[in-house]
PDB file of N, CA and C in Angstrom:
ATOM      1  N   MET A   1       0.835  -1.178   0.000  1.00  0.00           N
ATOM      2  CA  MET A   1       0.000   0.000   0.000  1.00  0.00           C
ATOM      3  C   MET A   1       0.881   1.242   0.000  1.00  0.00           C
ATOM      4  N   ALA A   2       0.449   2.257  -0.690  1.00  0.00           N
ATOM      5  CA  ALA A   2       1.218   3.496  -0.800  1.00  0.00           C
ATOM      6  C   ALA A   2       0.863   4.441   0.343  1.00  0.00           C
ATOM      7  N   THR A   3       1.895   5.100   0.838  1.00  0.00           N
ATOM      8  CA  THR A   3       1.683   6.187   1.794  1.00  0.00           C
ATOM      9  C   THR A   3       2.291   7.442   1.202  1.00  0.00           C
ATOM     10  N   ILE A   4       1.589   8.551   1.352  1.00  0.00           N
ATOM     11  CA  ILE A   4       2.065   9.830   0.824  1.00  0.00           C
ATOM     12  C   ILE A   4       2.272  10.760   2.007  1.00  0.00           C
ATOM     13  N   THR A   5       3.509  11.282   2.098  1.00  0.00           N
ATOM     14  CA  THR A   5       3.874  12.165   3.191  1.00  0.00           C
ATOM     15  C   THR A   5       4.148  13.551   2.646  1.00  0.00           C
ATOM     16  N   LYS A   6       3.545  14.550   3.274  1.00  0.00           N
ATOM     17  CA  LYS A   6       3.769  15.941   2.882  1.00  0.00           C
ATOM     18  C   LYS A   6       5.042  16.428   3.572  1.00  0.00           C
ATOM     19  N   LEU A   7       5.970  16.989   2.790  1.00  0.00           N
ATOM     20  CA  LEU A   7       7.244  17.465   3.318  1.00  0.00           C
ATOM     21  C   LEU A   7       7.379  18.970   3.096  1.00  0.00           C
ATOM     22  N   GLN A   8       7.876  19.660   4.091  1.00  0.00           N
ATOM     23  CA  GLN A   8       8.154  21.095   3.966  1.00  0.00           C
ATOM     24  C   GLN A   8       9.670  21.251   3.959  1.00  0.00           C
ATOM     25  N   GLY A   9      10.208  21.720   2.851  1.00  0.00           N
ATOM     26  CA  GLY A   9      11.654  21.877   2.727  1.00  0.00           C
ATOM     27  C   GLY A   9      12.025  23.279   2.317  1.00  0.00           C
ATOM     28  N   LYS A  10      13.313  23.470   2.031  1.00  0.00           N
ATOM     29  CA  LYS A  10      13.820  24.780   1.620  1.00  0.00           C
ATOM     30  C   LYS A  10      13.190  25.255   0.316  1.00  0.00           C
ATOM     31  N   ARG A  11      12.840  24.307  -0.529  1.00  0.00           N
ATOM     32  CA  ARG A  11      12.266  24.649  -1.838  1.00  0.00           C
ATOM     33  C   ARG A  11      10.740  24.629  -1.841  1.00  0.00           C
ATOM     34  N   GLY A  12      10.139  24.521  -0.686  1.00  0.00           N
ATOM     35  CA  GLY A  12       8.685  24.514  -0.612  1.00  0.00           C
ATOM     36  C   GLY A  12       8.143  23.149  -0.232  1.00  0.00           C
ATOM     37  N   ILE A  13       6.896  22.921  -0.567  1.00  0.00           N
ATOM     38  CA  ILE A  13       6.213  21.679  -0.208  1.00  0.00           C
ATOM     39  C   ILE A  13       6.446  20.622  -1.281  1.00  0.00           C
ATOM     40  N   SER A  14       6.698  19.405  -0.827  1.00  0.00           N
ATOM     41  CA  SER A  14       6.806  18.265  -1.735  1.00  0.00           C
ATOM     42  C   SER A  14       6.082  17.085  -1.103  1.00  0.00           C
ATOM     43  N   TYR A  15       5.857  16.047  -1.891  1.00  0.00           N
ATOM     44  CA  TYR A  15       5.103  14.880  -1.443  1.00  0.00           C
ATOM     45  C   TYR A  15       5.927  13.629  -1.745  1.00  0.00           C
ATOM     46  N   LYS A  16       6.204  12.875  -0.700  1.00  0.00           N
ATOM     47  CA  LYS A  16       6.996  11.658  -0.839  1.00  0.00           C
ATOM     48  C   LYS A  16       6.072  10.450  -0.802  1.00  0.00           C
ATOM     49  N   VAL A  17       6.186   9.614  -1.817  1.00  0.00           N
ATOM     50  CA  VAL A  17       5.393   8.390  -1.903  1.00  0.00           C
ATOM     51  C   VAL A  17       6.283   7.222  -1.499  1.00  0.00           C
ATOM     52  N   ARG A  18       5.756   6.365  -0.651  1.00  0.00           N
ATOM     53  CA  ARG A  18       6.454   5.128  -0.271  1.00  0.00           C
ATOM     54  C   ARG A  18       5.483   3.981  -0.478  1.00  0.00           C
ATOM     55  N   ILE A  19       5.907   3.007  -1.281  1.00  0.00           N
ATOM     56  CA  ILE A  19       5.082   1.833  -1.548  1.00  0.00           C
ATOM     57  C   ILE A  19       5.807   0.616  -0.992  1.00  0.00           C
ATOM     58  N   ARG A  20       5.118  -0.073  -0.101  1.00  0.00           N
ATOM     59  CA  ARG A  20       5.674  -1.288   0.493  1.00  0.00           C
ATOM     60  C   ARG A  20       4.712  -2.433   0.219  1.00  0.00           C
ATOM     61  N   LYS A  21       5.242  -3.457  -0.441  1.00  0.00           N
ATOM     62  CA  LYS A  21       4.443  -4.645  -0.732  1.00  0.00           C
ATOM     63  C   LYS A  21       5.274  -5.864  -0.360  1.00  0.00           C
ATOM     64  N   PRO A  22       4.624  -6.910   0.143  1.00  0.00           N
ATOM     65  CA  PRO A  22       5.364  -8.135   0.468  1.00  0.00           C
ATOM     66  C   PRO A  22       6.074  -8.691  -0.765  1.00  0.00           C
ATOM     67  N   ASN A  23       7.266  -9.201  -0.550  1.00  0.00           N
ATOM     68  CA  ASN A  23       8.087  -9.826  -1.603  1.00  0.00           C
ATOM     69  C   ASN A  23       8.521  -8.852  -2.689  1.00  0.00           C
ATOM     70  N   ASN A  24       8.502  -7.553  -2.400  1.00  0.00           N
ATOM     71  CA  ASN A  24       8.973  -6.524  -3.325  1.00  0.00           C
ATOM     72  C   ASN A  24       9.810  -5.523  -2.544  1.00  0.00           C
ATOM     73  N   PRO A  25      10.778  -4.907  -3.201  1.00  0.00           N
ATOM     74  CA  PRO A  25      11.534  -3.859  -2.506  1.00  0.00           C
ATOM     75  C   PRO A  25      10.635  -2.633  -2.283  1.00  0.00           C
ATOM     76  N   THR A  26      10.959  -1.863  -1.249  1.00  0.00           N
ATOM     77  CA  THR A  26      10.243  -0.616  -1.008  1.00  0.00           C
ATOM     78  C   THR A  26      10.582   0.366  -2.123  1.00  0.00           C
ATOM     79  N   VAL A  27       9.566   1.031  -2.664  1.00  0.00           N
ATOM     80  CA  VAL A  27       9.745   1.973  -3.763  1.00  0.00           C
ATOM     81  C   VAL A  27       9.359   3.360  -3.250  1.00  0.00           C
ATOM     82  N   THR A  28      10.235   4.351  -3.470  1.00  0.00           N
ATOM     83  CA  THR A  28       9.932   5.714  -3.038  1.00  0.00           C
ATOM     84  C   THR A  28      10.239   6.696  -4.163  1.00  0.00           C
ATOM     85  N   LYS A  29       9.493   7.792  -4.158  1.00  0.00           N
ATOM     86  CA  LYS A  29       9.732   8.867  -5.111  1.00  0.00           C
ATOM     87  C   LYS A  29       9.073  10.128  -4.558  1.00  0.00           C
ATOM     88  N   THR A  30       9.668  11.282  -4.866  1.00  0.00           N
ATOM     89  CA  THR A  30       9.168  12.558  -4.363  1.00  0.00           C
ATOM     90  C   THR A  30       8.643  13.400  -5.517  1.00  0.00           C
ATOM     91  N   PHE A  31       7.524  14.110  -5.251  1.00  0.00           N
ATOM     92  CA  PHE A  31       6.851  14.909  -6.276  1.00  0.00           C
ATOM     93  C   PHE A  31       6.576  16.316  -5.769  1.00  0.00           C
ATOM     94  N   SER A  32       6.373  17.209  -6.708  1.00  0.00           N
ATOM     95  CA  SER A  32       6.078  18.603  -6.363  1.00  0.00           C
ATOM     96  C   SER A  32       4.597  18.831  -6.076  1.00  0.00           C
ATOM     97  N   SER A  33       3.732  17.909  -6.492  1.00  0.00           N
ATOM     98  CA  SER A  33       2.305  18.072  -6.222  1.00  0.00           C
ATOM     99  C   SER A  33       1.712  16.750  -5.738  1.00  0.00           C
ATOM    100  N   LYS A  34       0.671  16.864  -4.941  1.00  0.00           N
ATOM    101  CA  LYS A  34       0.010  15.675  -4.414  1.00  0.00           C
ATOM    102  C   LYS A  34      -0.671  14.892  -5.530  1.00  0.00           C
ATOM    103  N   ASN A  35      -1.213  15.590  -6.506  1.00  0.00           N
ATOM    104  CA  ASN A  35      -1.881  14.945  -7.636  1.00  0.00           C
ATOM    105  C   ASN A  35      -0.909  14.032  -8.394  1.00  0.00           C
ATOM    106  N   LEU A  36       0.277  14.535  -8.680  1.00  0.00           N
ATOM    107  CA  LEU A  36       1.282  13.720  -9.372  1.00  0.00           C
ATOM    108  C   LEU A  36       1.690  12.518  -8.519  1.00  0.00           C
ATOM    109  N   ALA A  37       1.832  12.741  -7.222  1.00  0.00           N
ATOM    110  CA  ALA A  37       2.214  11.663  -6.312  1.00  0.00           C
ATOM    111  C   ALA A  37       1.154  10.559  -6.310  1.00  0.00           C
ATOM    112  N   GLU A  38      -0.106  10.942  -6.264  1.00  0.00           N
ATOM    113  CA  GLU A  38      -1.190   9.957  -6.260  1.00  0.00           C
ATOM    114  C   GLU A  38      -1.249   9.172  -7.566  1.00  0.00           C
ATOM    115  N   LYS A  39      -1.074   9.855  -8.691  1.00  0.00           N
ATOM    116  CA  LYS A  39      -1.095   9.169  -9.995  1.00  0.00           C
ATOM    117  C   LYS A  39       0.044   8.162 -10.093  1.00  0.00           C
ATOM    118  N   TRP A  40       1.249   8.579  -9.677  1.00  0.00           N
ATOM    119  CA  TRP A  40       2.402   7.691  -9.737  1.00  0.00           C
ATOM    120  C   TRP A  40       2.201   6.494  -8.815  1.00  0.00           C
ATOM    121  N   ALA A  41       1.652   6.741  -7.642  1.00  0.00           N
ATOM    122  CA  ALA A  41       1.419   5.662  -6.677  1.00  0.00           C
ATOM    123  C   ALA A  41       0.466   4.624  -7.254  1.00  0.00           C
ATOM    124  N   ARG A  42      -0.639   5.071  -7.853  1.00  0.00           N
ATOM    125  CA  ARG A  42      -1.599   4.129  -8.446  1.00  0.00           C
ATOM    126  C   ARG A  42      -0.952   3.307  -9.556  1.00  0.00           C
ATOM    127  N   LYS A  43      -0.223   3.993 -10.439  1.00  0.00           N
ATOM    128  CA  LYS A  43       0.421   3.321 -11.573  1.00  0.00           C
ATOM    129  C   LYS A  43       1.463   2.312 -11.084  1.00  0.00           C
ATOM    130  N   THR A  44       2.273   2.720 -10.124  1.00  0.00           N
ATOM    131  CA  THR A  44       3.347   1.855  -9.640  1.00  0.00           C
ATOM    132  C   THR A  44       2.790   0.663  -8.859  1.00  0.00           C
ATOM    133  N   GLU A  45       1.751   0.875  -8.066  1.00  0.00           N
ATOM    134  CA  GLU A  45       1.124  -0.241  -7.349  1.00  0.00           C
ATOM    135  C   GLU A  45       0.570  -1.270  -8.330  1.00  0.00           C
ATOM    136  N   LEU A  46      -0.043  -0.805  -9.404  1.00  0.00           N
ATOM    137  CA  LEU A  46      -0.562  -1.718 -10.413  1.00  0.00           C
ATOM    138  C   LEU A  46       0.575  -2.505 -11.076  1.00  0.00           C
ATOM    139  N   GLU A  47       1.668  -1.819 -11.414  1.00  0.00           N
ATOM    140  CA  GLU A  47       2.819  -2.499 -12.018  1.00  0.00           C
ATOM    141  C   GLU A  47       3.399  -3.531 -11.058  1.00  0.00           C
ATOM    142  N   LEU A  48       3.485  -3.198  -9.770  1.00  0.00           N
ATOM    143  CA  LEU A  48       3.984  -4.161  -8.786  1.00  0.00           C
ATOM    144  C   LEU A  48       3.048  -5.359  -8.689  1.00  0.00           C
ATOM    145  N   GLU A  49       1.759  -5.111  -8.708  1.00  0.00           N
ATOM    146  CA  GLU A  49       0.772  -6.188  -8.631  1.00  0.00           C
ATOM    147  C   GLU A  49       0.858  -7.107  -9.845  1.00  0.00           C
ATOM    148  N   GLU A  50       1.055  -6.511 -11.022  1.00  0.00           N
ATOM    149  CA  GLU A  50       1.142  -7.293 -12.260  1.00  0.00           C
ATOM    150  C   GLU A  50       2.546  -7.821 -12.523  1.00  0.00           C
ATOM    151  N   ASN A  51       3.471  -7.487 -11.629  1.00  0.00           N
ATOM    152  CA  ASN A  51       4.873  -7.911 -11.744  1.00  0.00           C
ATOM    153  C   ASN A  51       5.528  -7.365 -13.011  1.00  0.00           C
ATOM    154  N   THR A  52       5.185  -6.129 -13.379  1.00  0.00           N
ATOM    155  CA  THR A  52       5.781  -5.490 -14.549  1.00  0.00           C
ATOM    156  C   THR A  52       6.618  -4.271 -14.175  1.00  0.00           C
ATOM    157  N   TYR A  53       6.750  -3.994 -12.876  1.00  0.00           N
ATOM    158  CA  TYR A  53       7.499  -2.814 -12.426  1.00  0.00           C
ATOM    159  C   TYR A  53       8.993  -3.106 -12.431  1.00  0.00           C
ATOM    160  N   PHE A  54       9.779  -2.143 -12.912  1.00  0.00           N
ATOM    161  CA  PHE A  54      11.218  -2.184 -12.708  1.00  0.00           C
ATOM    162  C   PHE A  54      11.691  -0.765 -12.474  1.00  0.00           C
ATOM    163  N   ASP A  55      12.728  -0.639 -11.673  1.00  0.00           N
ATOM    164  CA  ASP A  55      13.263   0.668 -11.301  1.00  0.00           C
ATOM    165  C   ASP A  55      14.045   1.231 -12.481  1.00  0.00           C
ATOM    166  N   LYS A  56      13.494   2.232 -13.137  1.00  0.00           N
ATOM    167  CA  LYS A  56      14.120   2.795 -14.333  1.00  0.00           C
ATOM    168  C   LYS A  56      15.447   3.468 -14.016  1.00  0.00           C
ATOM    169  N   ALA A  57      15.557   4.093 -12.851  1.00  0.00           N
ATOM    170  CA  ALA A  57      16.815   4.743 -12.471  1.00  0.00           C
ATOM    171  C   ALA A  57      17.914   3.706 -12.287  1.00  0.00           C
ATOM    172  N   ALA A  58      17.592   2.605 -11.657  1.00  0.00           N
ATOM    173  CA  ALA A  58      18.586   1.547 -11.468  1.00  0.00           C
ATOM    174  C   ALA A  58      18.970   0.928 -12.809  1.00  0.00           C
ATOM    175  N   ALA A  59      17.991   0.730 -13.677  1.00  0.00           N
ATOM    176  CA  ALA A  59      18.274   0.159 -14.990  1.00  0.00           C
ATOM    177  C   ALA A  59      19.169   1.078 -15.810  1.00  0.00           C
ATOM    178  N   ALA A  60      18.979   2.371 -15.703  1.00  0.00           N
ATOM    179  CA  ALA A  60      19.773   3.329 -16.467  1.00  0.00           C
ATOM    180  C   ALA A  60      21.227   3.368 -16.022  1.00  0.00           C
ATOM    181  N   SER A  61      21.505   2.901 -14.814  1.00  0.00           N
ATOM    182  CA  SER A  61      22.878   2.942 -14.316  1.00  0.00           C
ATOM    183  C   SER A  61      23.734   1.800 -14.861  1.00  0.00           C
ATOM    184  N   HIS A  62      23.125   0.829 -15.521  1.00  0.00           N
ATOM    185  CA  HIS A  62      23.871  -0.294 -16.083  1.00  0.00           C
ATOM    186  C   HIS A  62      24.302   0.025 -17.514  1.00  0.00           C
ATOM    187  N   THR A  63      25.461  -0.460 -17.877  1.00  0.00           N
ATOM    188  CA  THR A  63      26.012  -0.204 -19.206  1.00  0.00           C
ATOM    189  C   THR A  63      26.185  -1.510 -19.976  1.00  0.00           C
ATOM    190  N   VAL A  64      26.498  -1.382 -21.256  1.00  0.00           N
ATOM    191  CA  VAL A  64      26.803  -2.557 -22.066  1.00  0.00           C
ATOM    192  C   VAL A  64      28.038  -3.256 -21.499  1.00  0.00           C
ATOM    193  N   ALA A  65      28.999  -2.476 -21.017  1.00  0.00           N
ATOM    194  CA  ALA A  65      30.193  -3.068 -20.422  1.00  0.00           C
ATOM    195  C   ALA A  65      29.829  -3.930 -19.211  1.00  0.00           C
ATOM    196  N   ASP A  66      28.884  -3.452 -18.399  1.00  0.00           N
ATOM    197  CA  ASP A  66      28.422  -4.244 -17.252  1.00  0.00           C
ATOM    198  C   ASP A  66      27.841  -5.574 -17.716  1.00  0.00           C
ATOM    199  N   LEU A  67      27.026  -5.511 -18.752  1.00  0.00           N
ATOM    200  CA  LEU A  67      26.396  -6.718 -19.285  1.00  0.00           C
ATOM    201  C   LEU A  67      27.436  -7.697 -19.829  1.00  0.00           C
ATOM    202  N   VAL A  68      28.371  -7.200 -20.604  1.00  0.00           N
ATOM    203  CA  VAL A  68      29.418  -8.051 -21.174  1.00  0.00           C
ATOM    204  C   VAL A  68      30.249  -8.679 -20.059  1.00  0.00           C
ATOM    205  N   ASN A  69      30.670  -7.867 -19.108  1.00  0.00           N
ATOM    206  CA  ASN A  69      31.499  -8.392 -18.021  1.00  0.00           C
ATOM    207  C   ASN A  69      30.754  -9.440 -17.200  1.00  0.00           C
ATOM    208  N   ARG A  70      29.472  -9.198 -16.941  1.00  0.00           N
ATOM    209  CA  ARG A  70      28.686 -10.175 -16.181  1.00  0.00           C
ATOM    210  C   ARG A  70      28.554 -11.475 -16.969  1.00  0.00           C
ATOM    211  N   TYR A  71      28.306 -11.366 -18.265  1.00  0.00           N
ATOM    212  CA  TYR A  71      28.187 -12.563 -19.100  1.00  0.00           C
ATOM    213  C   TYR A  71      29.500 -13.346 -19.094  1.00  0.00           C
ATOM    214  N   LEU A  72      30.618 -12.632 -19.243  1.00  0.00           N
ATOM    215  CA  LEU A  72      31.912 -13.307 -19.233  1.00  0.00           C
ATOM    216  C   LEU A  72      32.152 -14.017 -17.902  1.00  0.00           C
ATOM    217  N   ARG A  73      31.753 -13.389 -16.812  1.00  0.00           N
ATOM    218  CA  ARG A  73      31.949 -13.963 -15.478  1.00  0.00           C
ATOM    219  C   ARG A  73      31.038 -15.154 -15.207  1.00  0.00           C
ATOM    220  N   GLU A  74      29.768 -15.045 -15.593  1.00  0.00           N
ATOM    221  CA  GLU A  74      28.773 -16.004 -15.135  1.00  0.00           C
ATOM    222  C   GLU A  74      28.324 -17.028 -16.174  1.00  0.00           C
ATOM    223  N   ASP A  75      28.123 -16.614 -17.412  1.00  0.00           N
ATOM    224  CA  ASP A  75      27.485 -17.496 -18.384  1.00  0.00           C
ATOM    225  C   ASP A  75      28.422 -18.124 -19.399  1.00  0.00           C
ATOM    226  N   LEU A  76      29.546 -17.499 -19.652  1.00  0.00           N
ATOM    227  CA  LEU A  76      30.447 -18.012 -20.681  1.00  0.00           C
ATOM    228  C   LEU A  76      30.963 -19.402 -20.332  1.00  0.00           C
ATOM    229  N   LYS A  77      31.081 -19.694 -19.054  1.00  0.00           N
ATOM    230  CA  LYS A  77      31.589 -20.996 -18.603  1.00  0.00           C
ATOM    231  C   LYS A  77      30.660 -22.140 -18.999  1.00  0.00           C
ATOM    232  N   LYS A  78      29.407 -21.839 -19.290  1.00  0.00           N
ATOM    233  CA  LYS A  78      28.417 -22.856 -19.627  1.00  0.00           C
ATOM    234  C   LYS A  78      28.544 -23.343 -21.073  1.00  0.00           C
ATOM    235  N   LEU A  79      29.268 -22.588 -21.901  1.00  0.00           N
ATOM    236  CA  LEU A  79      29.418 -22.959 -23.308  1.00  0.00           C
ATOM    237  C   LEU A  79      30.500 -24.012 -23.484  1.00  0.00           C
ATOM    238  N   ALA A  80      30.408 -24.740 -24.579  1.00  0.00           N
ATOM    239  CA  ALA A  80      31.475 -25.666 -24.936  1.00  0.00           C
ATOM    240  C   ALA A  80      32.732 -24.868 -25.247  1.00  0.00           C
ATOM    241  N   GLU A  81      33.878 -25.455 -25.001  1.00  0.00           N
ATOM    242  CA  GLU A  81      35.141 -24.722 -25.160  1.00  0.00           C
ATOM    243  C   GLU A  81      35.342 -24.220 -26.588  1.00  0.00           C
ATOM    244  N   SER A  82      34.857 -24.966 -27.587  1.00  0.00           N
ATOM    245  CA  SER A  82      35.001 -24.530 -28.975  1.00  0.00           C
ATOM    246  C   SER A  82      34.196 -23.259 -29.244  1.00  0.00           C
ATOM    247  N   ASP A  83      33.059 -23.100 -28.590  1.00  0.00           N
ATOM    248  CA  ASP A  83      32.235 -21.908 -28.758  1.00  0.00           C
ATOM    249  C   ASP A  83      32.730 -20.740 -27.912  1.00  0.00           C
ATOM    250  N   TRP A  84      33.463 -21.052 -26.866  1.00  0.00           N
ATOM    251  CA  TRP A  84      33.888 -20.057 -25.892  1.00  0.00           C
ATOM    252  C   TRP A  84      34.766 -18.977 -26.526  1.00  0.00           C
ATOM    253  N   ALA A  85      35.771 -19.375 -27.315  1.00  0.00           N
ATOM    254  CA  ALA A  85      36.705 -18.406 -27.907  1.00  0.00           C
ATOM    255  C   ALA A  85      35.985 -17.473 -28.883  1.00  0.00           C
ATOM    256  N   ALA A  86      35.112 -18.030 -29.707  1.00  0.00           N
ATOM    257  CA  ALA A  86      34.374 -17.202 -30.667  1.00  0.00           C
ATOM    258  C   ALA A  86      33.456 -16.223 -29.944  1.00  0.00           C
ATOM    259  N   ARG A  87      32.788 -16.689 -28.905  1.00  0.00           N
ATOM    260  CA  ARG A  87      31.884 -15.812 -28.151  1.00  0.00           C
ATOM    261  C   ARG A  87      32.663 -14.705 -27.445  1.00  0.00           C
ATOM    262  N   LYS A  88      33.831 -15.040 -26.914  1.00  0.00           N
ATOM    263  CA  LYS A  88      34.639 -14.030 -26.223  1.00  0.00           C
ATOM    264  C   LYS A  88      35.108 -12.954 -27.205  1.00  0.00           C
ATOM    265  N   ARG A  89      35.502 -13.350 -28.419  1.00  0.00           N
ATOM    266  CA  ARG A  89      35.895 -12.371 -29.445  1.00  0.00           C
ATOM    267  C   ARG A  89      34.718 -11.467 -29.800  1.00  0.00           C
ATOM    268  N   GLN A  90      33.546 -12.073 -29.963  1.00  0.00           N
ATOM    269  CA  GLN A  90      32.347 -11.309 -30.298  1.00  0.00           C
ATOM    270  C   GLN A  90      32.018 -10.301 -29.192  1.00  0.00           C
ATOM    271  N   LEU A  91      32.078 -10.731 -27.961  1.00  0.00           N
ATOM    272  CA  LEU A  91      31.788  -9.839 -26.836  1.00  0.00           C
ATOM    273  C   LEU A  91      32.824  -8.725 -26.723  1.00  0.00           C
ATOM    274  N   SER A  92      34.059  -9.032 -26.998  1.00  0.00           N
ATOM    275  CA  SER A  92      35.102  -8.000 -26.973  1.00  0.00           C
ATOM    276  C   SER A  92      34.827  -6.947 -28.039  1.00  0.00           C
ATOM    277  N   TRP A  93      34.358  -7.384 -29.194  1.00  0.00           N
ATOM    278  CA  TRP A  93      34.003  -6.442 -30.268  1.00  0.00           C
ATOM    279  C   TRP A  93      32.888  -5.522 -29.813  1.00  0.00           C
ATOM    280  N   TRP A  94      31.837  -6.082 -29.198  1.00  0.00           N
ATOM    281  CA  TRP A  94      30.727  -5.267 -28.693  1.00  0.00           C
ATOM    282  C   TRP A  94      31.211  -4.262 -27.649  1.00  0.00           C
ATOM    283  N   ARG A  95      32.090  -4.719 -26.784  1.00  0.00           N
ATOM    284  CA  ARG A  95      32.587  -3.842 -25.733  1.00  0.00           C
ATOM    285  C   ARG A  95      33.355  -2.673 -26.325  1.00  0.00           C
ATOM    286  N   VAL A  96      34.194  -2.934 -27.315  1.00  0.00           N
ATOM    287  CA  VAL A  96      34.965  -1.856 -27.949  1.00  0.00           C
ATOM    288  C   VAL A  96      34.031  -0.916 -28.709  1.00  0.00           C
ATOM    289  N   LEU A  97      33.047  -1.462 -29.385  1.00  0.00           N
ATOM    290  CA  LEU A  97      32.127  -0.648 -30.181  1.00  0.00           C
ATOM    291  C   LEU A  97      31.249   0.256 -29.334  1.00  0.00           C
ATOM    292  N   PHE A  98      30.725  -0.264 -28.229  1.00  0.00           N
ATOM    293  CA  PHE A  98      29.737   0.488 -27.450  1.00  0.00           C
ATOM    294  C   PHE A  98      30.232   1.056 -26.124  1.00  0.00           C
ATOM    295  N   CYS A  99      31.396   0.685 -25.703  1.00  0.00           N
ATOM    296  CA  CYS A  99      31.819   1.067 -24.347  1.00  0.00           C
ATOM    297  C   CYS A  99      33.047   1.950 -24.388  1.00  0.00           C
ATOM    298  N   THR A 100      33.106   2.876 -23.464  1.00  0.00           N
ATOM    299  CA  THR A 100      34.262   3.757 -23.362  1.00  0.00           C
ATOM    300  C   THR A 100      35.356   3.128 -22.540  1.00  0.00           C
ATOM    301  N   GLN A 101      34.986   2.128 -21.720  1.00  0.00           N
ATOM    302  CA  GLN A 101      35.988   1.445 -20.913  1.00  0.00           C
ATOM    303  C   GLN A 101      35.924  -0.054 -21.180  1.00  0.00           C
ATOM    304  N   ASN A 102      37.048  -0.725 -21.052  1.00  0.00           N
ATOM    305  CA  ASN A 102      37.105  -2.184 -21.272  1.00  0.00           C
ATOM    306  C   ASN A 102      37.158  -2.932 -19.994  1.00  0.00           C
TER     307      ASN A 102
END
C-alpha cells in the first residue's frame, strides 16, 4: 500500500510516496504536487501487482560493459570450449564498439 507524506523543505512543499508490498523492494519517489504523487502511486502499485514494475533509475545505471562483463563472469563458462573463444571475441568487439571502458 502506498503512503504519501507531505514534506516542507527549503524549496517549498513536496510529497513523498512510499510503496511497500510483500516480496517486493520498497519503492519511493518525491513529487512537487500531491496529484502527481497519487497518480504515480496508483500506476506503480498496479505495475507491482502485475509484476511489470522495474526501477528505471537503477536500470539506467547499467552499461553494455556491465552486461558483457557479467556474461563473461557467469554465463560463458556454460558454453562448450570450442564456442567459448568465438563468443569471447564477439563480446570484446561489442565492448569496444559500445563502451568507453574495457
